[in-house]
C-alpha atoms as a PDB file:
ATOM      1  CA  UNK A   1       0.000   0.000   0.000  1.00  0.00           C
ATOM      2  CA  UNK A   2       1.027   3.655  -0.401  1.00  0.00           C
ATOM      3  CA  UNK A   3       3.221   5.291   2.185  1.00  0.00           C
ATOM      4  CA  UNK A   4       1.789   8.798   2.037  1.00  0.00           C
ATOM      5  CA  UNK A   5      -1.260  10.560   3.397  1.00  0.00           C
ATOM      6  CA  UNK A   6      -3.964  11.870   1.103  1.00  0.00           C
ATOM      7  CA  UNK A   7      -3.207  15.499   1.962  1.00  0.00           C
ATOM      8  CA  UNK A   8       0.110  15.578   0.142  1.00  0.00           C
ATOM      9  CA  UNK A   9      -0.097  12.734  -2.358  1.00  0.00           C
ATOM     10  CA  UNK A  10      -1.051  12.751  -6.012  1.00  0.00           C
ATOM     11  CA  UNK A  11      -1.359   9.949  -8.511  1.00  0.00           C
ATOM     12  CA  UNK A  12      -0.608  10.194 -12.214  1.00  0.00           C
ATOM     13  CA  UNK A  13      -1.746   7.265 -14.325  1.00  0.00           C
ATOM     14  CA  UNK A  14      -0.302   7.348 -17.825  1.00  0.00           C
ATOM     15  CA  UNK A  15       2.922   9.316 -18.202  1.00  0.00           C
ATOM     16  CA  UNK A  16       2.905  10.362 -21.829  1.00  0.00           C
ATOM     17  CA  UNK A  17       3.728  13.990 -22.605  1.00  0.00           C
ATOM     18  CA  UNK A  18       0.748  15.353 -20.642  1.00  0.00           C
ATOM     19  CA  UNK A  19       1.012  13.027 -17.640  1.00  0.00           C
ATOM     20  CA  UNK A  20       4.768  13.470 -17.461  1.00  0.00           C
ATOM     21  CA  UNK A  21       4.375  17.262 -17.384  1.00  0.00           C
ATOM     22  CA  UNK A  22       1.837  17.016 -14.548  1.00  0.00           C
ATOM     23  CA  UNK A  23       4.024  14.604 -12.550  1.00  0.00           C
ATOM     24  CA  UNK A  24       7.147  16.705 -13.071  1.00  0.00           C
ATOM     25  CA  UNK A  25       5.502  19.939 -11.941  1.00  0.00           C
ATOM     26  CA  UNK A  26       3.879  18.402  -8.875  1.00  0.00           C
ATOM     27  CA  UNK A  27       7.139  16.731  -7.847  1.00  0.00           C
ATOM     28  CA  UNK A  28       9.051  19.974  -8.388  1.00  0.00           C
ATOM     29  CA  UNK A  29       6.575  21.624  -6.014  1.00  0.00           C
ATOM     30  CA  UNK A  30       7.481  19.139  -3.299  1.00  0.00           C
ATOM     31  CA  UNK A  31       4.455  16.871  -3.587  1.00  0.00           C
ATOM     32  CA  UNK A  32       4.514  13.106  -3.204  1.00  0.00           C
ATOM     33  CA  UNK A  33       3.683  11.681  -6.609  1.00  0.00           C
ATOM     34  CA  UNK A  34       2.814   8.104  -7.519  1.00  0.00           C
ATOM     35  CA  UNK A  35       3.423   7.570 -11.243  1.00  0.00           C
ATOM     36  CA  UNK A  36       1.888   4.578 -13.012  1.00  0.00           C
ATOM     37  CA  UNK A  37       2.289   3.388 -16.588  1.00  0.00           C
ATOM     38  CA  UNK A  38       2.666   0.168 -18.533  1.00  0.00           C
ATOM     39  CA  UNK A  39       5.802   1.511 -20.228  1.00  0.00           C
ATOM     40  CA  UNK A  40       8.943   1.007 -18.131  1.00  0.00           C
ATOM     41  CA  UNK A  41      11.023   3.422 -20.224  1.00  0.00           C
ATOM     42  CA  UNK A  42       8.560   6.284 -19.654  1.00  0.00           C
ATOM     43  CA  UNK A  43       8.549   5.644 -15.921  1.00  0.00           C
ATOM     44  CA  UNK A  44      12.334   5.668 -15.749  1.00  0.00           C
ATOM     45  CA  UNK A  45      12.376   9.260 -17.021  1.00  0.00           C
ATOM     46  CA  UNK A  46      10.513  10.219 -13.834  1.00  0.00           C
ATOM     47  CA  UNK A  47      12.182   7.873 -11.354  1.00  0.00           C
ATOM     48  CA  UNK A  48      14.522  10.533  -9.986  1.00  0.00           C
ATOM     49  CA  UNK A  49      11.702  13.048  -9.503  1.00  0.00           C
ATOM     50  CA  UNK A  50       8.602  11.325  -8.164  1.00  0.00           C
ATOM     51  CA  UNK A  51       8.084   9.450  -4.908  1.00  0.00           C
ATOM     52  CA  UNK A  52       7.080   6.100  -6.426  1.00  0.00           C
ATOM     53  CA  UNK A  53       6.786   4.501  -9.845  1.00  0.00           C
ATOM     54  CA  UNK A  54       4.754   1.414 -10.688  1.00  0.00           C
ATOM     55  CA  UNK A  55       4.788  -0.464 -13.952  1.00  0.00           C
ATOM     56  CA  UNK A  56       1.311  -1.953 -14.284  1.00  0.00           C
ATOM     57  CA  UNK A  57       0.328  -3.830 -17.419  1.00  0.00           C
ATOM     58  CA  UNK A  58      -3.348  -4.267 -16.527  1.00  0.00           C
ATOM     59  CA  UNK A  59      -5.035  -1.453 -14.623  1.00  0.00           C
ATOM     60  CA  UNK A  60      -7.057  -3.550 -12.212  1.00  0.00           C
ATOM     61  CA  UNK A  61      -8.570  -2.133  -9.046  1.00  0.00           C
ATOM     62  CA  UNK A  62      -6.353  -4.373  -6.903  1.00  0.00           C
ATOM     63  CA  UNK A  63      -3.206  -3.247  -8.724  1.00  0.00           C
ATOM     64  CA  UNK A  64      -4.073   0.423  -8.240  1.00  0.00           C
ATOM     65  CA  UNK A  65      -4.860  -0.122  -4.558  1.00  0.00           C
ATOM     66  CA  UNK A  66      -1.532  -1.921  -4.089  1.00  0.00           C
ATOM     67  CA  UNK A  67       0.224   1.068  -5.652  1.00  0.00           C
ATOM     68  CA  UNK A  68      -1.350   3.353  -3.054  1.00  0.00           C
ATOM     69  CA  UNK A  69      -3.792   5.229  -5.268  1.00  0.00           C
ATOM     70  CA  UNK A  70      -6.375   5.077  -2.498  1.00  0.00           C
ATOM     71  CA  UNK A  71      -4.164   7.339  -0.382  1.00  0.00           C
ATOM     72  CA  UNK A  72      -4.138  10.115  -2.966  1.00  0.00           C
ATOM     73  CA  UNK A  73      -6.214  13.258  -2.698  1.00  0.00           C
ATOM     74  CA  UNK A  74      -6.124  13.776  -6.462  1.00  0.00           C
ATOM     75  CA  UNK A  75      -5.416  11.410  -9.335  1.00  0.00           C
ATOM     76  CA  UNK A  76      -4.753  12.635 -12.859  1.00  0.00           C
ATOM     77  CA  UNK A  77      -5.360  10.052 -15.570  1.00  0.00           C
ATOM     78  CA  UNK A  78      -3.346  10.922 -18.643  1.00  0.00           C
ATOM     79  CA  UNK A  79      -4.550   8.076 -20.842  1.00  0.00           C
ATOM     80  CA  UNK A  80      -6.212   9.542 -23.901  1.00  0.00           C
ATOM     81  CA  UNK A  81      -5.577   7.153 -26.759  1.00  0.00           C
ATOM     82  CA  UNK A  82      -6.729   3.894 -25.125  1.00  0.00           C
ATOM     83  CA  UNK A  83     -10.415   4.411 -24.425  1.00  0.00           C
ATOM     84  CA  UNK A  84     -10.907   1.169 -22.490  1.00  0.00           C
ATOM     85  CA  UNK A  85      -7.877   1.722 -20.239  1.00  0.00           C
ATOM     86  CA  UNK A  86      -8.910   5.332 -19.614  1.00  0.00           C
ATOM     87  CA  UNK A  87     -12.441   4.352 -18.609  1.00  0.00           C
ATOM     88  CA  UNK A  88     -11.282   1.473 -16.402  1.00  0.00           C
ATOM     89  CA  UNK A  89      -8.649   3.586 -14.652  1.00  0.00           C
ATOM     90  CA  UNK A  90     -11.208   6.323 -14.024  1.00  0.00           C
ATOM     91  CA  UNK A  91     -13.829   3.887 -12.761  1.00  0.00           C
ATOM     92  CA  UNK A  92     -11.385   2.096 -10.447  1.00  0.00           C
ATOM     93  CA  UNK A  93     -10.083   5.346  -8.930  1.00  0.00           C
ATOM     94  CA  UNK A  94     -13.625   6.509  -8.212  1.00  0.00           C
ATOM     95  CA  UNK A  95     -14.557   3.116  -6.740  1.00  0.00           C
ATOM     96  CA  UNK A  96     -11.444   3.181  -4.552  1.00  0.00           C
ATOM     97  CA  UNK A  97     -12.634   6.495  -3.150  1.00  0.00           C
ATOM     98  CA  UNK A  98     -10.164   9.019  -4.566  1.00  0.00           C
ATOM     99  CA  UNK A  99     -11.727  12.426  -3.727  1.00  0.00           C
ATOM    100  CA  UNK A 100     -10.761  14.085  -7.013  1.00  0.00           C
ATOM    101  CA  UNK A 101     -10.237  12.245 -10.306  1.00  0.00           C
ATOM    102  CA  UNK A 102      -9.187  14.267 -13.356  1.00  0.00           C
ATOM    103  CA  UNK A 103      -9.144  12.358 -16.629  1.00  0.00           C
ATOM    104  CA  UNK A 104      -7.716  13.340 -19.991  1.00  0.00           C
ATOM    105  CA  UNK A 105     -10.081  12.846 -22.900  1.00  0.00           C
ATOM    106  CA  UNK A 106      -9.131  12.378 -26.528  1.00  0.00           C
ATOM    107  CA  UNK A 107     -12.498  13.449 -27.908  1.00  0.00           C
ATOM    108  CA  UNK A 108     -15.742  15.100 -26.862  1.00  0.00           C
ATOM    109  CA  UNK A 109     -17.501  11.716 -26.769  1.00  0.00           C
ATOM    110  CA  UNK A 110     -14.734  10.254 -24.609  1.00  0.00           C
ATOM    111  CA  UNK A 111     -15.073  13.205 -22.260  1.00  0.00           C
ATOM    112  CA  UNK A 112     -18.822  12.713 -21.888  1.00  0.00           C
ATOM    113  CA  UNK A 113     -18.285   9.100 -20.810  1.00  0.00           C
ATOM    114  CA  UNK A 114     -15.684  10.105 -18.239  1.00  0.00           C
ATOM    115  CA  UNK A 115     -17.951  12.818 -16.862  1.00  0.00           C
ATOM    116  CA  UNK A 116     -20.780  10.312 -16.423  1.00  0.00           C
ATOM    117  CA  UNK A 117     -18.401   8.159 -14.358  1.00  0.00           C
ATOM    118  CA  UNK A 118     -17.834  11.120 -12.051  1.00  0.00           C
ATOM    119  CA  UNK A 119     -14.467  12.424 -13.251  1.00  0.00           C
ATOM    120  CA  UNK A 120     -13.432  15.968 -14.048  1.00  0.00           C
ATOM    121  CA  UNK A 121     -12.422  16.022 -17.697  1.00  0.00           C
ATOM    122  CA  UNK A 122      -9.618  17.873 -19.394  1.00  0.00           C
ATOM    123  CA  UNK A 123      -8.794  18.153 -23.097  1.00  0.00           C
ATOM    124  CA  UNK A 124      -5.063  18.946 -23.416  1.00  0.00           C
ATOM    125  CA  UNK A 125      -4.304  17.412 -26.826  1.00  0.00           C
ATOM    126  CA  UNK A 126      -4.408  19.055 -30.247  1.00  0.00           C
ATOM    127  CA  UNK A 127      -7.839  17.828 -31.356  1.00  0.00           C
ATOM    128  CA  UNK A 128      -9.564  18.839 -28.156  1.00  0.00           C
ATOM    129  CA  UNK A 129      -7.027  21.412 -26.961  1.00  0.00           C
ATOM    130  CA  UNK A 130      -9.186  24.027 -28.623  1.00  0.00           C
ATOM    131  CA  UNK A 131     -12.035  23.051 -26.284  1.00  0.00           C
ATOM    132  CA  UNK A 132      -9.826  23.744 -23.269  1.00  0.00           C
ATOM    133  CA  UNK A 133      -8.537  26.981 -24.774  1.00  0.00           C
ATOM    134  CA  UNK A 134     -12.037  28.168 -25.657  1.00  0.00           C
ATOM    135  CA  UNK A 135     -13.198  27.287 -22.144  1.00  0.00           C
ATOM    136  CA  UNK A 136     -10.395  29.344 -20.657  1.00  0.00           C
ATOM    137  CA  UNK A 137     -11.150  32.263 -22.977  1.00  0.00           C
ATOM    138  CA  UNK A 138     -14.944  32.070 -23.003  1.00  0.00           C
ATOM    139  CA  UNK A 139     -15.495  34.367 -20.021  1.00  0.00           C
ATOM    140  CA  UNK A 140     -13.725  37.647 -19.444  1.00  0.00           C
ATOM    141  CA  UNK A 141     -12.594  36.719 -15.943  1.00  0.00           C
ATOM    142  CA  UNK A 142     -11.957  33.002 -16.546  1.00  0.00           C
ATOM    143  CA  UNK A 143      -8.322  32.360 -17.425  1.00  0.00           C
ATOM    144  CA  UNK A 144      -7.533  29.781 -14.754  1.00  0.00           C
ATOM    145  CA  UNK A 145      -8.621  26.141 -14.443  1.00  0.00           C
ATOM    146  CA  UNK A 146      -7.728  24.779 -10.962  1.00  0.00           C
ATOM    147  CA  UNK A 147      -6.787  21.083 -10.875  1.00  0.00           C
ATOM    148  CA  UNK A 148      -6.127  21.024  -7.130  1.00  0.00           C
ATOM    149  CA  UNK A 149      -5.543  23.475  -4.293  1.00  0.00           C
ATOM    150  CA  UNK A 150      -2.094  24.361  -5.609  1.00  0.00           C
ATOM    151  CA  UNK A 151      -1.939  23.166  -9.221  1.00  0.00           C
ATOM    152  CA  UNK A 152      -3.679  24.869 -12.134  1.00  0.00           C
ATOM    153  CA  UNK A 153      -3.847  25.430 -15.862  1.00  0.00           C
ATOM    154  CA  UNK A 154      -3.872  29.023 -17.093  1.00  0.00           C
ATOM    155  CA  UNK A 155      -3.942  30.823 -20.408  1.00  0.00           C
ATOM    156  CA  UNK A 156      -2.008  34.072 -20.928  1.00  0.00           C
ATOM    157  CA  UNK A 157      -1.141  36.362 -23.810  1.00  0.00           C
ATOM    158  CA  UNK A 158       2.581  36.139 -24.464  1.00  0.00           C
ATOM    159  CA  UNK A 159       4.529  39.339 -23.919  1.00  0.00           C
ATOM    160  CA  UNK A 160       5.871  40.694 -27.251  1.00  0.00           C
ATOM    161  CA  UNK A 161       9.404  40.456 -25.821  1.00  0.00           C
ATOM    162  CA  UNK A 162       9.077  36.657 -25.981  1.00  0.00           C
ATOM    163  CA  UNK A 163       7.844  36.584 -29.573  1.00  0.00           C
ATOM    164  CA  UNK A 164       9.767  34.812 -32.336  1.00  0.00           C
ATOM    165  CA  UNK A 165      11.630  32.614 -29.859  1.00  0.00           C
ATOM    166  CA  UNK A 166      11.477  28.832 -29.623  1.00  0.00           C
ATOM    167  CA  UNK A 167      10.195  26.867 -26.643  1.00  0.00           C
ATOM    168  CA  UNK A 168      13.713  25.645 -25.885  1.00  0.00           C
ATOM    169  CA  UNK A 169      15.117  29.187 -26.131  1.00  0.00           C
ATOM    170  CA  UNK A 170      12.548  30.486 -23.648  1.00  0.00           C
ATOM    171  CA  UNK A 171      13.167  27.459 -21.387  1.00  0.00           C
ATOM    172  CA  UNK A 172      10.206  28.224 -19.128  1.00  0.00           C
ATOM    173  CA  UNK A 173      10.076  24.676 -17.781  1.00  0.00           C
ATOM    174  CA  UNK A 174      13.543  24.969 -16.265  1.00  0.00           C
ATOM    175  CA  UNK A 175      13.244  28.618 -15.226  1.00  0.00           C
ATOM    176  CA  UNK A 176       9.756  28.578 -13.730  1.00  0.00           C
ATOM    177  CA  UNK A 177       8.715  24.893 -13.397  1.00  0.00           C
ATOM    178  CA  UNK A 178       5.814  25.378 -15.789  1.00  0.00           C
ATOM    179  CA  UNK A 179       4.833  23.455 -18.905  1.00  0.00           C
ATOM    180  CA  UNK A 180       3.314  24.652 -22.167  1.00  0.00           C
ATOM    181  CA  UNK A 181       0.284  22.468 -22.925  1.00  0.00           C
ATOM    182  CA  UNK A 182      -1.000  24.339 -25.970  1.00  0.00           C
ATOM    183  CA  UNK A 183      -0.376  27.423 -28.077  1.00  0.00           C
ATOM    184  CA  UNK A 184      -3.253  29.492 -29.417  1.00  0.00           C
ATOM    185  CA  UNK A 185      -2.550  31.222 -32.737  1.00  0.00           C
ATOM    186  CA  UNK A 186      -5.246  33.365 -34.331  1.00  0.00           C
ATOM    187  CA  UNK A 187      -7.887  31.771 -32.112  1.00  0.00           C
ATOM    188  CA  UNK A 188      -6.898  28.191 -33.005  1.00  0.00           C
ATOM    189  CA  UNK A 189      -5.257  25.981 -30.388  1.00  0.00           C
ATOM    190  CA  UNK A 190      -2.548  23.404 -31.058  1.00  0.00           C
ATOM    191  CA  UNK A 191      -1.366  20.850 -28.512  1.00  0.00           C
ATOM    192  CA  UNK A 192       1.716  19.997 -30.564  1.00  0.00           C
ATOM    193  CA  UNK A 193       4.425  21.833 -28.635  1.00  0.00           C
ATOM    194  CA  UNK A 194       7.973  20.817 -29.503  1.00  0.00           C
ATOM    195  CA  UNK A 195      11.336  22.265 -28.394  1.00  0.00           C
ATOM    196  CA  UNK A 196      11.698  24.038 -31.747  1.00  0.00           C
ATOM    197  CA  UNK A 197       8.123  25.390 -31.781  1.00  0.00           C
ATOM    198  CA  UNK A 198       8.206  29.171 -32.220  1.00  0.00           C
ATOM    199  CA  UNK A 199       6.066  31.427 -30.020  1.00  0.00           C
ATOM    200  CA  UNK A 200       4.759  34.120 -32.338  1.00  0.00           C
ATOM    201  CA  UNK A 201       3.679  37.717 -31.803  1.00  0.00           C
ATOM    202  CA  UNK A 202       0.102  37.764 -30.485  1.00  0.00           C
ATOM    203  CA  UNK A 203       0.125  34.107 -29.430  1.00  0.00           C
ATOM    204  CA  UNK A 204      -1.631  32.931 -26.265  1.00  0.00           C
ATOM    205  CA  UNK A 205      -0.211  29.998 -24.327  1.00  0.00           C
ATOM    206  CA  UNK A 206      -1.919  27.437 -22.094  1.00  0.00           C
ATOM    207  CA  UNK A 207       0.356  26.558 -19.173  1.00  0.00           C
ATOM    208  CA  UNK A 208       0.286  24.066 -16.296  1.00  0.00           C
ATOM    209  CA  UNK A 209       2.126  24.288 -13.009  1.00  0.00           C
ATOM    210  CA  UNK A 210       1.911  24.998  -9.316  1.00  0.00           C
ATOM    211  CA  UNK A 211       0.012  28.163  -8.481  1.00  0.00           C
ATOM    212  CA  UNK A 212       3.139  29.821  -7.085  1.00  0.00           C
ATOM    213  CA  UNK A 213       5.134  29.027 -10.225  1.00  0.00           C
ATOM    214  CA  UNK A 214       2.355  30.295 -12.467  1.00  0.00           C
ATOM    215  CA  UNK A 215       2.018  33.509 -10.478  1.00  0.00           C
ATOM    216  CA  UNK A 216       5.761  34.058 -10.714  1.00  0.00           C
ATOM    217  CA  UNK A 217       5.642  33.560 -14.458  1.00  0.00           C
ATOM    218  CA  UNK A 218       2.662  35.887 -14.888  1.00  0.00           C
ATOM    219  CA  UNK A 219       4.602  38.662 -13.146  1.00  0.00           C
ATOM    220  CA  UNK A 220       7.604  38.048 -15.399  1.00  0.00           C
ATOM    221  CA  UNK A 221       5.413  37.868 -18.508  1.00  0.00           C
ATOM    222  CA  UNK A 222       3.687  41.143 -17.627  1.00  0.00           C
ATOM    223  CA  UNK A 223       7.049  42.902 -17.567  1.00  0.00           C
ATOM    224  CA  UNK A 224       8.548  40.995 -20.501  1.00  0.00           C
ATOM    225  CA  UNK A 225      11.560  39.932 -18.487  1.00  0.00           C
ATOM    226  CA  UNK A 226      13.558  36.785 -19.241  1.00  0.00           C
END
């Protein structure tokens, strides 16, 4: 069973690009993170950062309980491409009694199923990234989507001083412990964010990170400082 109390523990099931970014940011904020995936190589990239890693081929309820998921206050399920695994992981976490389950959806239909199971749904990938971006931009005062008490997703207009620079040149992940989930260009969101992706003038970015890291970045972005 898990070693940590629910107040400071988070689970991340599925550590692809989205799940890995969530796990990295939570761990960098000092949280206990249980990372679960069927891919050993993906887990190894996080082994030095998170509290525990578990390679689980079949996401059964017993296997998740043995990994300590029941001790987590929040579990983020980053499985978007395998519909069956996503639904089972979500269902098991809810049955185990995890207070907050946030599941990544690969389509609107997928999201509706997850919502009916009782999960909060997020659309971080390119196809549905626009849904997240539009949600963040749909109300004048809504530019923040809280995922937990101290971890959020925000959207901000990029300061012109950062324009025409690549993601790796800006290096916000290392400087501020934040991750770029999507880039909004001319009202259209793309979840394909690579190291050589260029942030253009007038772009809006969707970022994930701890609230303190995001606030620090927003202050820097407002002033256009590096």
